[in-house]
Amino acid sequence: MAQPDEQRFERLHREHYDRLAAYLLRRADREVAEEVLARTFEIAWRRFAQMPEEPLPWLIGVARNVLSSMRRSQGRRDALIERIASGGLPSAEDHADLLARRELVAAALAALSDAQREVLLLIAWEGLSQKEAATVIGCSAAALRVRLHRARRRLHHALAELQADEACARPEGERGALSPRISTSMPMEEST
């Protein structure tokens, strides 16, 4: 961006930051609002040449879209954790057990490498086929199947380790109780 454009952008930022922040704080908590605000001004920076003459409505529209996208992503993340956590478990469990399983699955996903987590999330969370996920990652379908197998195996081991750690941390009288089994199965796809 040329120097005059930088100065115009800085002026735009100064003039609209507070109103845009107030808009977002009415719709989200502080942490989310700050992230959405940063992404909104990042988009405004990239698309500064296409900025309308009256930028505030456009900025609010961008912020609204970014916030919606973040919420959809969080919903998909929660649904994936829920789906992994709920496999093979009794339906009459209490809310505390459900939250504990969700935390366990989230911790197991966090224990995976970025590449392993990515392949699992593309298949289970984004609902892509193995062929589509291979295209996204930039590898062959055969290579993706190997990566997916390894990622599933690593997730299974991470869950087992976390469940074992959890069992050891329980008080003496509760150690005989079984931990809920968490399924690592995901939809399989026929090879083509």
N, C-alpha and C. Protein backbone atom coordinates (compact mmCIF):
# COMPACT_ATOMS: atom_id res chain seq x y z
N MET A 1 0.84 -1.17 0.00
CA MET A 1 0.00 0.00 0.00
C MET A 1 0.88 1.24 0.00
N ALA A 2 0.53 2.22 -0.78
CA ALA A 2 1.28 3.46 -0.82
C ALA A 2 1.08 4.22 0.48
N GLN A 3 1.99 5.14 0.76
CA GLN A 3 1.95 5.91 2.00
C GLN A 3 0.60 6.60 2.23
N PRO A 4 0.03 7.27 1.22
CA PRO A 4 -1.28 7.89 1.46
C PRO A 4 -2.35 6.86 1.82
N ASP A 5 -2.30 5.67 1.20
CA ASP A 5 -3.25 4.61 1.53
C ASP A 5 -3.07 4.14 2.97
N GLU A 6 -1.81 4.03 3.40
CA GLU A 6 -1.57 3.63 4.79
C GLU A 6 -2.16 4.64 5.76
N GLN A 7 -1.97 5.91 5.46
CA GLN A 7 -2.51 6.95 6.32
C GLN A 7 -4.04 6.92 6.30
N ARG A 8 -4.63 6.69 5.14
CA ARG A 8 -6.09 6.60 5.04
C ARG A 8 -6.60 5.39 5.83
N PHE A 9 -5.86 4.29 5.75
CA PHE A 9 -6.28 3.09 6.49
C PHE A 9 -6.17 3.34 8.00
N GLU A 10 -5.08 3.96 8.42
CA GLU A 10 -4.93 4.27 9.85
C GLU A 10 -6.06 5.18 10.33
N ARG A 11 -6.45 6.14 9.51
CA ARG A 11 -7.57 7.03 9.86
C ARG A 11 -8.87 6.23 9.93
N LEU A 12 -9.09 5.34 8.96
CA LEU A 12 -10.26 4.47 8.97
C LEU A 12 -10.29 3.65 10.26
N HIS A 13 -9.16 3.09 10.63
CA HIS A 13 -9.06 2.28 11.85
C HIS A 13 -9.41 3.11 13.08
N ARG A 14 -8.82 4.29 13.19
CA ARG A 14 -9.09 5.17 14.34
C ARG A 14 -10.55 5.58 14.40
N GLU A 15 -11.13 5.93 13.26
CA GLU A 15 -12.50 6.44 13.23
C GLU A 15 -13.55 5.37 13.52
N HIS A 16 -13.29 4.13 13.16
CA HIS A 16 -14.34 3.12 13.25
C HIS A 16 -14.07 2.01 14.26
N TYR A 17 -12.89 2.00 14.84
CA TYR A 17 -12.52 0.92 15.77
C TYR A 17 -13.50 0.83 16.94
N ASP A 18 -13.77 1.94 17.61
CA ASP A 18 -14.61 1.92 18.81
C ASP A 18 -16.04 1.47 18.50
N ARG A 19 -16.62 1.97 17.42
CA ARG A 19 -17.99 1.57 17.08
C ARG A 19 -18.06 0.10 16.68
N LEU A 20 -17.06 -0.35 15.95
CA LEU A 20 -17.03 -1.75 15.55
C LEU A 20 -16.80 -2.65 16.77
N ALA A 21 -15.93 -2.24 17.67
CA ALA A 21 -15.70 -3.00 18.90
C ALA A 21 -16.97 -3.07 19.74
N ALA A 22 -17.68 -1.96 19.85
CA ALA A 22 -18.94 -1.95 20.63
C ALA A 22 -19.96 -2.88 19.99
N TYR A 23 -20.06 -2.87 18.67
CA TYR A 23 -20.97 -3.77 17.96
C TYR A 23 -20.65 -5.22 18.32
N LEU A 24 -19.38 -5.57 18.27
CA LEU A 24 -18.98 -6.96 18.53
C LEU A 24 -19.13 -7.34 20.00
N LEU A 25 -18.85 -6.43 20.91
CA LEU A 25 -18.97 -6.73 22.33
C LEU A 25 -20.42 -6.95 22.75
N ARG A 26 -21.37 -6.41 21.98
CA ARG A 26 -22.79 -6.67 22.26
C ARG A 26 -23.19 -8.08 21.79
N ARG A 27 -22.35 -8.70 20.98
CA ARG A 27 -22.70 -9.99 20.39
C ARG A 27 -21.79 -11.14 20.82
N ALA A 28 -20.67 -10.83 21.45
CA ALA A 28 -19.71 -11.88 21.81
C ALA A 28 -18.90 -11.45 23.03
N ASP A 29 -18.22 -12.42 23.63
CA ASP A 29 -17.37 -12.07 24.77
C ASP A 29 -16.13 -11.32 24.26
N ARG A 30 -15.39 -10.77 25.19
CA ARG A 30 -14.26 -9.90 24.86
C ARG A 30 -13.21 -10.59 23.97
N GLU A 31 -12.85 -11.81 24.31
CA GLU A 31 -11.82 -12.53 23.56
C GLU A 31 -12.24 -12.75 22.11
N VAL A 32 -13.46 -13.20 21.92
CA VAL A 32 -13.97 -13.44 20.56
C VAL A 32 -14.09 -12.12 19.82
N ALA A 33 -14.59 -11.09 20.50
CA ALA A 33 -14.75 -9.78 19.86
C ALA A 33 -13.40 -9.24 19.38
N GLU A 34 -12.35 -9.41 20.19
CA GLU A 34 -11.03 -8.94 19.80
C GLU A 34 -10.51 -9.69 18.57
N GLU A 35 -10.74 -11.00 18.54
CA GLU A 35 -10.29 -11.79 17.39
C GLU A 35 -11.05 -11.40 16.12
N VAL A 36 -12.36 -11.24 16.25
CA VAL A 36 -13.17 -10.85 15.09
C VAL A 36 -12.77 -9.46 14.62
N LEU A 37 -12.52 -8.56 15.54
CA LEU A 37 -12.11 -7.20 15.20
C LEU A 37 -10.80 -7.22 14.42
N ALA A 38 -9.85 -8.01 14.88
CA ALA A 38 -8.56 -8.10 14.19
C ALA A 38 -8.75 -8.67 12.77
N ARG A 39 -9.55 -9.72 12.65
CA ARG A 39 -9.80 -10.31 11.33
C ARG A 39 -10.53 -9.34 10.41
N THR A 40 -11.46 -8.57 10.98
CA THR A 40 -12.21 -7.60 10.18
C THR A 40 -11.28 -6.55 9.60
N PHE A 41 -10.39 -6.00 10.41
CA PHE A 41 -9.47 -4.99 9.90
C PHE A 41 -8.42 -5.60 8.98
N GLU A 42 -8.11 -6.87 9.16
CA GLU A 42 -7.21 -7.55 8.23
C GLU A 42 -7.87 -7.62 6.84
N ILE A 43 -9.14 -7.99 6.81
CA ILE A 43 -9.88 -8.05 5.54
C ILE A 43 -9.99 -6.65 4.94
N ALA A 44 -10.25 -5.67 5.79
CA ALA A 44 -10.35 -4.28 5.30
C ALA A 44 -9.01 -3.84 4.69
N TRP A 45 -7.91 -4.24 5.28
CA TRP A 45 -6.57 -3.91 4.77
C TRP A 45 -6.36 -4.53 3.39
N ARG A 46 -6.74 -5.81 3.27
CA ARG A 46 -6.55 -6.51 1.98
C ARG A 46 -7.48 -5.96 0.90
N ARG A 47 -8.65 -5.51 1.29
CA ARG A 47 -9.65 -5.07 0.30
C ARG A 47 -9.86 -3.55 0.35
N PHE A 48 -8.85 -2.85 0.80
CA PHE A 48 -8.96 -1.41 0.98
C PHE A 48 -9.33 -0.68 -0.31
N ALA A 49 -8.84 -1.16 -1.43
CA ALA A 49 -9.12 -0.52 -2.72
C ALA A 49 -10.61 -0.63 -3.08
N GLN A 50 -11.29 -1.69 -2.61
CA GLN A 50 -12.71 -1.87 -2.92
C GLN A 50 -13.62 -1.31 -1.82
N MET A 51 -13.06 -0.65 -0.85
CA MET A 51 -13.83 -0.12 0.27
C MET A 51 -14.84 0.91 -0.23
N PRO A 52 -16.10 0.79 0.18
CA PRO A 52 -17.09 1.79 -0.24
C PRO A 52 -16.80 3.15 0.40
N GLU A 53 -17.44 4.15 -0.15
CA GLU A 53 -17.22 5.50 0.34
C GLU A 53 -17.62 5.64 1.81
N GLU A 54 -18.70 4.99 2.20
CA GLU A 54 -19.14 4.97 3.60
C GLU A 54 -18.75 3.61 4.17
N PRO A 55 -17.61 3.50 4.86
CA PRO A 55 -17.07 2.19 5.23
C PRO A 55 -17.71 1.51 6.44
N LEU A 56 -18.35 2.25 7.34
CA LEU A 56 -18.85 1.62 8.56
C LEU A 56 -19.84 0.49 8.29
N PRO A 57 -20.86 0.67 7.47
CA PRO A 57 -21.76 -0.46 7.21
C PRO A 57 -21.04 -1.67 6.61
N TRP A 58 -20.08 -1.41 5.73
CA TRP A 58 -19.31 -2.49 5.13
C TRP A 58 -18.50 -3.21 6.20
N LEU A 59 -17.84 -2.45 7.08
CA LEU A 59 -17.04 -3.06 8.16
C LEU A 59 -17.92 -3.88 9.09
N ILE A 60 -19.10 -3.38 9.41
CA ILE A 60 -20.01 -4.13 10.28
C ILE A 60 -20.45 -5.41 9.58
N GLY A 61 -20.72 -5.34 8.28
CA GLY A 61 -21.07 -6.54 7.53
C GLY A 61 -19.96 -7.57 7.54
N VAL A 62 -18.73 -7.12 7.36
CA VAL A 62 -17.58 -8.03 7.40
C VAL A 62 -17.46 -8.64 8.80
N ALA A 63 -17.57 -7.82 9.83
CA ALA A 63 -17.47 -8.32 11.21
C ALA A 63 -18.57 -9.34 11.49
N ARG A 64 -19.76 -9.05 11.03
CA ARG A 64 -20.88 -9.98 11.22
C ARG A 64 -20.59 -11.32 10.56
N ASN A 65 -20.07 -11.29 9.33
CA ASN A 65 -19.73 -12.52 8.62
C ASN A 65 -18.60 -13.29 9.30
N VAL A 66 -17.59 -12.57 9.76
CA VAL A 66 -16.47 -13.23 10.45
C VAL A 66 -16.97 -13.87 11.74
N LEU A 67 -17.80 -13.17 12.50
CA LEU A 67 -18.34 -13.72 13.74
C LEU A 67 -19.19 -14.96 13.45
N SER A 68 -20.02 -14.90 12.43
CA SER A 68 -20.84 -16.06 12.06
C SER A 68 -19.97 -17.24 11.68
N SER A 69 -18.94 -16.98 10.93
CA SER A 69 -18.01 -18.05 10.51
C SER A 69 -17.32 -18.67 11.72
N MET A 70 -16.89 -17.85 12.65
CA MET A 70 -16.24 -18.37 13.87
C MET A 70 -17.21 -19.23 14.67
N ARG A 71 -18.45 -18.79 14.78
CA ARG A 71 -19.44 -19.56 15.54
C ARG A 71 -19.75 -20.89 14.86
N ARG A 72 -19.85 -20.88 13.53
CA ARG A 72 -20.07 -22.14 12.82
C ARG A 72 -18.89 -23.09 13.03
N SER A 73 -17.68 -22.55 12.97
CA SER A 73 -16.49 -23.37 13.20
C SER A 73 -16.50 -23.97 14.60
N GLN A 74 -16.84 -23.16 15.59
CA GLN A 74 -16.91 -23.66 16.97
C GLN A 74 -17.99 -24.72 17.09
N GLY A 75 -19.12 -24.52 16.43
CA GLY A 75 -20.19 -25.51 16.45
C GLY A 75 -19.74 -26.83 15.85
N ARG A 76 -19.01 -26.76 14.72
CA ARG A 76 -18.51 -27.99 14.10
C ARG A 76 -17.49 -28.67 15.00
N ARG A 77 -16.63 -27.88 15.64
CA ARG A 77 -15.64 -28.44 16.56
C ARG A 77 -16.33 -29.14 17.73
N ASP A 78 -17.33 -28.47 18.30
CA ASP A 78 -18.08 -29.07 19.41
C ASP A 78 -18.81 -30.33 18.97
N ALA A 79 -19.39 -30.30 17.77
CA ALA A 79 -20.11 -31.48 17.26
C ALA A 79 -19.16 -32.65 17.05
N LEU A 80 -17.96 -32.37 16.55
CA LEU A 80 -16.99 -33.44 16.35
C LEU A 80 -16.59 -34.05 17.68
N ILE A 81 -16.28 -33.22 18.65
CA ILE A 81 -15.89 -33.72 19.97
C ILE A 81 -17.04 -34.51 20.56
N GLU A 82 -18.25 -34.01 20.40
CA GLU A 82 -19.44 -34.70 20.90
C GLU A 82 -19.60 -36.06 20.23
N ARG A 83 -19.43 -36.07 18.90
CA ARG A 83 -19.60 -37.32 18.16
C ARG A 83 -18.55 -38.35 18.56
N ILE A 84 -17.32 -37.93 18.72
CA ILE A 84 -16.27 -38.86 19.14
C ILE A 84 -16.53 -39.32 20.56
N ALA A 85 -16.92 -38.40 21.43
CA ALA A 85 -17.14 -38.73 22.84
C ALA A 85 -18.35 -39.61 23.06
N SER A 86 -19.35 -39.52 22.20
CA SER A 86 -20.59 -40.24 22.47
C SER A 86 -20.61 -41.66 21.93
N GLY A 87 -19.66 -42.05 21.14
CA GLY A 87 -19.67 -43.38 20.56
C GLY A 87 -19.61 -44.47 21.61
N GLY A 88 -20.61 -45.35 21.61
CA GLY A 88 -20.62 -46.52 22.50
C GLY A 88 -20.90 -46.23 23.95
N LEU A 89 -21.37 -45.07 24.28
CA LEU A 89 -21.63 -44.74 25.68
C LEU A 89 -23.12 -44.88 26.00
N PRO A 90 -23.45 -45.21 27.24
CA PRO A 90 -24.86 -45.28 27.60
C PRO A 90 -25.52 -43.92 27.48
N SER A 91 -26.81 -43.91 27.16
CA SER A 91 -27.48 -42.64 26.92
C SER A 91 -27.94 -41.95 28.20
N ALA A 92 -28.01 -42.66 29.32
CA ALA A 92 -28.53 -42.09 30.56
C ALA A 92 -27.39 -41.62 31.47
N GLU A 93 -26.49 -40.85 30.94
CA GLU A 93 -25.39 -40.38 31.77
C GLU A 93 -25.63 -38.94 32.20
N ASP A 94 -24.95 -38.55 33.22
CA ASP A 94 -25.18 -37.18 33.68
C ASP A 94 -24.27 -36.19 32.94
N HIS A 95 -24.60 -34.96 33.08
CA HIS A 95 -23.93 -33.87 32.36
C HIS A 95 -22.44 -33.79 32.71
N ALA A 96 -22.07 -34.03 33.93
CA ALA A 96 -20.66 -33.96 34.34
C ALA A 96 -19.82 -34.99 33.60
N ASP A 97 -20.36 -36.20 33.41
CA ASP A 97 -19.64 -37.23 32.67
C ASP A 97 -19.46 -36.81 31.22
N LEU A 98 -20.50 -36.21 30.65
CA LEU A 98 -20.43 -35.75 29.27
C LEU A 98 -19.33 -34.70 29.11
N LEU A 99 -19.29 -33.75 30.03
CA LEU A 99 -18.26 -32.71 29.96
C LEU A 99 -16.87 -33.31 30.14
N ALA A 100 -16.73 -34.27 31.04
CA ALA A 100 -15.44 -34.91 31.26
C ALA A 100 -14.97 -35.64 30.00
N ARG A 101 -15.88 -36.31 29.32
CA ARG A 101 -15.52 -37.02 28.08
C ARG A 101 -15.13 -36.02 26.99
N ARG A 102 -15.88 -34.94 26.89
CA ARG A 102 -15.55 -33.93 25.88
C ARG A 102 -14.16 -33.36 26.12
N GLU A 103 -13.84 -33.09 27.39
CA GLU A 103 -12.50 -32.58 27.71
C GLU A 103 -11.44 -33.62 27.37
N LEU A 104 -11.74 -34.88 27.62
CA LEU A 104 -10.81 -35.96 27.32
C LEU A 104 -10.55 -36.04 25.82
N VAL A 105 -11.60 -35.96 25.02
CA VAL A 105 -11.44 -36.02 23.56
C VAL A 105 -10.68 -34.79 23.06
N ALA A 106 -11.00 -33.63 23.59
CA ALA A 106 -10.30 -32.42 23.18
C ALA A 106 -8.82 -32.52 23.52
N ALA A 107 -8.49 -33.07 24.68
CA ALA A 107 -7.09 -33.26 25.07
C ALA A 107 -6.41 -34.26 24.15
N ALA A 108 -7.11 -35.33 23.79
CA ALA A 108 -6.54 -36.34 22.89
C ALA A 108 -6.28 -35.72 21.51
N LEU A 109 -7.21 -34.92 21.01
CA LEU A 109 -6.99 -34.25 19.73
C LEU A 109 -5.80 -33.29 19.81
N ALA A 110 -5.67 -32.62 20.93
CA ALA A 110 -4.55 -31.69 21.11
C ALA A 110 -3.21 -32.42 21.16
N ALA A 111 -3.22 -33.69 21.55
CA ALA A 111 -1.99 -34.47 21.64
C ALA A 111 -1.49 -34.91 20.26
N LEU A 112 -2.34 -34.81 19.25
CA LEU A 112 -1.94 -35.22 17.90
C LEU A 112 -1.09 -34.13 17.26
N SER A 113 -0.31 -34.54 16.26
CA SER A 113 0.43 -33.54 15.49
C SER A 113 -0.57 -32.74 14.66
N ASP A 114 -0.14 -31.60 14.18
CA ASP A 114 -1.01 -30.78 13.34
C ASP A 114 -1.48 -31.56 12.12
N ALA A 115 -0.58 -32.32 11.50
CA ALA A 115 -0.93 -33.08 10.30
C ALA A 115 -1.95 -34.17 10.62
N GLN A 116 -1.78 -34.86 11.74
CA GLN A 116 -2.73 -35.91 12.13
C GLN A 116 -4.10 -35.31 12.44
N ARG A 117 -4.10 -34.22 13.19
CA ARG A 117 -5.36 -33.57 13.54
C ARG A 117 -6.06 -33.07 12.27
N GLU A 118 -5.29 -32.52 11.34
CA GLU A 118 -5.87 -31.99 10.11
C GLU A 118 -6.57 -33.08 9.31
N VAL A 119 -5.94 -34.22 9.14
CA VAL A 119 -6.56 -35.28 8.34
C VAL A 119 -7.84 -35.79 9.02
N LEU A 120 -7.81 -35.94 10.34
CA LEU A 120 -9.01 -36.38 11.06
C LEU A 120 -10.14 -35.35 10.95
N LEU A 121 -9.80 -34.10 11.11
CA LEU A 121 -10.82 -33.06 11.08
C LEU A 121 -11.41 -32.86 9.69
N LEU A 122 -10.59 -33.01 8.67
CA LEU A 122 -11.12 -32.90 7.31
C LEU A 122 -12.16 -33.98 7.03
N ILE A 123 -11.91 -35.18 7.52
CA ILE A 123 -12.83 -36.29 7.28
C ILE A 123 -14.03 -36.21 8.23
N ALA A 124 -13.78 -36.12 9.52
CA ALA A 124 -14.85 -36.21 10.51
C ALA A 124 -15.59 -34.89 10.72
N TRP A 125 -14.90 -33.79 10.71
CA TRP A 125 -15.51 -32.51 11.03
C TRP A 125 -16.05 -31.84 9.78
N GLU A 126 -15.22 -31.75 8.76
CA GLU A 126 -15.64 -31.07 7.53
C GLU A 126 -16.49 -31.97 6.65
N GLY A 127 -16.46 -33.29 6.93
CA GLY A 127 -17.29 -34.23 6.16
C GLY A 127 -16.79 -34.48 4.75
N LEU A 128 -15.49 -34.26 4.52
CA LEU A 128 -14.94 -34.49 3.19
C LEU A 128 -14.73 -35.98 2.96
N SER A 129 -14.79 -36.38 1.71
CA SER A 129 -14.43 -37.75 1.37
C SER A 129 -12.91 -37.87 1.45
N GLN A 130 -12.42 -39.08 1.43
CA GLN A 130 -10.97 -39.26 1.48
C GLN A 130 -10.31 -38.64 0.25
N LYS A 131 -10.95 -38.77 -0.89
CA LYS A 131 -10.41 -38.18 -2.12
C LYS A 131 -10.36 -36.65 -2.01
N GLU A 132 -11.43 -36.06 -1.50
CA GLU A 132 -11.47 -34.60 -1.33
C GLU A 132 -10.42 -34.15 -0.32
N ALA A 133 -10.29 -34.87 0.78
CA ALA A 133 -9.28 -34.52 1.80
C ALA A 133 -7.87 -34.63 1.22
N ALA A 134 -7.64 -35.64 0.37
CA ALA A 134 -6.33 -35.79 -0.27
C ALA A 134 -6.02 -34.58 -1.14
N THR A 135 -7.03 -34.08 -1.84
CA THR A 135 -6.85 -32.90 -2.68
C THR A 135 -6.49 -31.69 -1.82
N VAL A 136 -7.20 -31.53 -0.70
CA VAL A 136 -6.93 -30.39 0.19
C VAL A 136 -5.50 -30.45 0.73
N ILE A 137 -5.09 -31.63 1.16
CA ILE A 137 -3.75 -31.79 1.75
C ILE A 137 -2.66 -31.77 0.69
N GLY A 138 -3.02 -32.18 -0.53
CA GLY A 138 -2.03 -32.20 -1.60
C GLY A 138 -1.28 -33.51 -1.68
N CYS A 139 -1.98 -34.61 -1.46
CA CYS A 139 -1.34 -35.92 -1.55
C CYS A 139 -2.27 -36.86 -2.31
N SER A 140 -1.80 -38.06 -2.58
CA SER A 140 -2.64 -39.03 -3.27
C SER A 140 -3.66 -39.61 -2.30
N ALA A 141 -4.72 -40.22 -2.85
CA ALA A 141 -5.74 -40.84 -2.01
C ALA A 141 -5.12 -41.97 -1.18
N ALA A 142 -4.18 -42.71 -1.77
CA ALA A 142 -3.53 -43.80 -1.04
C ALA A 142 -2.72 -43.26 0.14
N ALA A 143 -2.00 -42.18 -0.09
CA ALA A 143 -1.21 -41.57 1.00
C ALA A 143 -2.14 -41.05 2.09
N LEU A 144 -3.28 -40.49 1.68
CA LEU A 144 -4.22 -39.99 2.68
C LEU A 144 -4.77 -41.14 3.53
N ARG A 145 -5.08 -42.28 2.91
CA ARG A 145 -5.59 -43.42 3.68
C ARG A 145 -4.57 -43.87 4.72
N VAL A 146 -3.29 -43.85 4.37
CA VAL A 146 -2.25 -44.22 5.33
C VAL A 146 -2.20 -43.19 6.45
N ARG A 147 -2.23 -41.91 6.10
CA ARG A 147 -2.21 -40.85 7.11
C ARG A 147 -3.43 -40.94 8.03
N LEU A 148 -4.59 -41.22 7.44
CA LEU A 148 -5.82 -41.32 8.23
C LEU A 148 -5.74 -42.50 9.19
N HIS A 149 -5.23 -43.63 8.71
CA HIS A 149 -5.08 -44.81 9.57
C HIS A 149 -4.16 -44.49 10.74
N ARG A 150 -3.04 -43.88 10.46
CA ARG A 150 -2.08 -43.52 11.52
C ARG A 150 -2.67 -42.51 12.49
N ALA A 151 -3.41 -41.55 11.98
CA ALA A 151 -4.02 -40.53 12.85
C ALA A 151 -5.07 -41.17 13.75
N ARG A 152 -5.89 -42.06 13.20
CA ARG A 152 -6.89 -42.75 14.02
C ARG A 152 -6.22 -43.59 15.10
N ARG A 153 -5.17 -44.29 14.72
CA ARG A 153 -4.44 -45.13 15.68
C ARG A 153 -3.84 -44.25 16.79
N ARG A 154 -3.25 -43.12 16.42
CA ARG A 154 -2.66 -42.21 17.40
C ARG A 154 -3.73 -41.62 18.32
N LEU A 155 -4.89 -41.27 17.75
CA LEU A 155 -5.99 -40.76 18.56
C LEU A 155 -6.45 -41.82 19.55
N HIS A 156 -6.58 -43.05 19.08
CA HIS A 156 -6.99 -44.15 19.95
C HIS A 156 -5.99 -44.31 21.11
N HIS A 157 -4.69 -44.28 20.80
CA HIS A 157 -3.67 -44.41 21.84
C HIS A 157 -3.69 -43.21 22.80
N ALA A 158 -3.88 -42.02 22.27
CA ALA A 158 -3.93 -40.83 23.12
C ALA A 158 -5.12 -40.91 24.07
N LEU A 159 -6.26 -41.35 23.56
CA LEU A 159 -7.44 -41.51 24.43
C LEU A 159 -7.17 -42.57 25.50
N ALA A 160 -6.56 -43.68 25.12
CA ALA A 160 -6.26 -44.75 26.08
C ALA A 160 -5.32 -44.25 27.16
N GLU A 161 -4.30 -43.50 26.78
CA GLU A 161 -3.35 -42.95 27.75
C GLU A 161 -4.04 -41.99 28.71
N LEU A 162 -4.87 -41.11 28.16
CA LEU A 162 -5.58 -40.15 29.01
C LEU A 162 -6.56 -40.85 29.94
N GLN A 163 -7.24 -41.88 29.45
CA GLN A 163 -8.16 -42.63 30.30
C GLN A 163 -7.40 -43.37 31.40
N ALA A 164 -6.23 -43.90 31.08
CA ALA A 164 -5.42 -44.58 32.09
C ALA A 164 -4.94 -43.59 33.15
N ASP A 165 -4.51 -42.42 32.70
CA ASP A 165 -4.10 -41.38 33.65
C ASP A 165 -5.26 -40.97 34.54
N GLU A 166 -6.44 -40.86 33.94
CA GLU A 166 -7.64 -40.49 34.69
C GLU A 166 -7.98 -41.56 35.73
N ALA A 167 -7.84 -42.82 35.34
CA ALA A 167 -8.14 -43.92 36.26
C ALA A 167 -7.18 -43.92 37.44
N CYS A 168 -5.91 -43.63 37.19
CA CYS A 168 -4.91 -43.59 38.27
C CYS A 168 -5.16 -42.42 39.21
N ALA A 169 -5.75 -41.36 38.70
CA ALA A 169 -5.98 -40.17 39.52
C ALA A 169 -7.22 -40.29 40.37
N ARG A 170 -8.07 -41.28 40.12
CA ARG A 170 -9.29 -41.45 40.90
C ARG A 170 -8.96 -41.92 42.32
N PRO A 171 -9.83 -41.56 43.26
CA PRO A 171 -9.65 -42.03 44.64
C PRO A 171 -9.71 -43.56 44.68
N GLU A 172 -9.09 -44.13 45.70
CA GLU A 172 -8.97 -45.59 45.85
C GLU A 172 -10.28 -46.33 45.66
N GLY A 173 -11.36 -45.86 46.24
CA GLY A 173 -12.64 -46.55 46.18
C GLY A 173 -13.29 -46.53 44.81
N GLU A 174 -12.89 -45.60 43.94
CA GLU A 174 -13.51 -45.49 42.62
C GLU A 174 -12.71 -46.17 41.54
N ARG A 175 -11.54 -46.72 41.85
CA ARG A 175 -10.67 -47.28 40.82
C ARG A 175 -11.27 -48.50 40.14
N GLY A 176 -12.15 -49.18 40.80
CA GLY A 176 -12.75 -50.34 40.18
C GLY A 176 -13.77 -49.97 39.11
N ALA A 177 -14.28 -48.75 39.18
CA ALA A 177 -15.28 -48.32 38.20
C ALA A 177 -14.63 -48.20 36.83
N LEU A 178 -15.35 -48.59 35.84
CA LEU A 178 -14.83 -48.52 34.48
C LEU A 178 -14.97 -47.11 33.94
N SER A 179 -13.96 -46.67 33.21
CA SER A 179 -14.07 -45.40 32.50
C SER A 179 -14.98 -45.60 31.31
N PRO A 180 -15.72 -44.58 30.93
CA PRO A 180 -16.55 -44.74 29.75
C PRO A 180 -15.66 -44.97 28.53
N ARG A 181 -16.06 -45.86 27.68
CA ARG A 181 -15.29 -46.13 26.47
C ARG A 181 -15.64 -45.06 25.45
N ILE A 182 -14.62 -44.48 24.89
CA ILE A 182 -14.80 -43.44 23.89
C ILE A 182 -14.43 -44.01 22.54
N SER A 183 -15.35 -43.89 21.61
CA SER A 183 -15.14 -44.43 20.28
C SER A 183 -14.31 -43.49 19.43
N THR A 184 -13.36 -44.05 18.72
CA THR A 184 -12.58 -43.24 17.78
C THR A 184 -12.98 -43.53 16.36
N SER A 185 -14.10 -44.24 16.20
CA SER A 185 -14.50 -44.58 14.84
C SER A 185 -15.09 -43.38 14.13
N MET A 186 -14.82 -43.33 12.86
CA MET A 186 -15.37 -42.30 12.00
C MET A 186 -15.92 -42.97 10.77
N PRO A 187 -16.76 -42.28 10.04
CA PRO A 187 -17.33 -42.91 8.86
C PRO A 187 -16.24 -43.42 7.94
N MET A 188 -16.37 -44.67 7.54
CA MET A 188 -15.42 -45.26 6.61
C MET A 188 -15.94 -45.06 5.19
N GLU A 189 -15.07 -45.11 4.30
CA GLU A 189 -15.41 -44.87 2.91
C GLU A 189 -14.88 -46.03 2.09
N GLU A 190 -15.64 -46.47 1.14
CA GLU A 190 -15.17 -47.55 0.31
C GLU A 190 -14.05 -47.05 -0.58
N SER A 191 -13.05 -47.89 -0.79
CA SER A 191 -11.95 -47.51 -1.69
C SER A 191 -12.45 -47.50 -3.12
N THR A 192 -11.99 -46.53 -3.85
CA THR A 192 -12.39 -46.45 -5.25
C THR A 192 -11.22 -46.68 -6.16
